[in-house]
């Protein structure tokens, strides 16, 4: 778990606010904005939690982006960060973990907002835990966009199945 936290900090540290310090981005408008619009969570009979999230990627680059993926959409480079109510990271899981890869393809991300429902089954979460905070972080592989994406944090209560 410690290694995962170290890797998360190295890869997504700035996106989660764990970077070297505060940066002044007040005059800089992000070229791509990631928003977590809503989320629900349902615990399955096997104890895993199915998170159903509505996420939006807003492309403000001035042109269509082509995102590279071995899976099914431009959202495949996102990672779900699951925290307890106090903000401690419990699990970091790629959105595409439960998918089967195929040959690399390029997906269009047009100007403006693109919204998608992302269903992510997560195992090994504390079974007594009924409330979580979730957030997406990630990149748009192959698009030329260098910024790390980071959504807002969304609080969710687990519904029993």
Foldseek 3Di string as FASTA:
>chain_A
DVVVVVVCCVPCVVQVVNDPDDDDCPVPDDQKAKAFPDWEWAADPVRKIKIKTKMKIAGNNVFKFKFKDQFDAQQQFKWKFKAAPVRHTDDIGGLCPPPDGHDIDIHIDGHGMDIDIGIDIGPDDPSVGFKIKMWMWGDRHPRPDPDIYIYDIDMYGYDYD
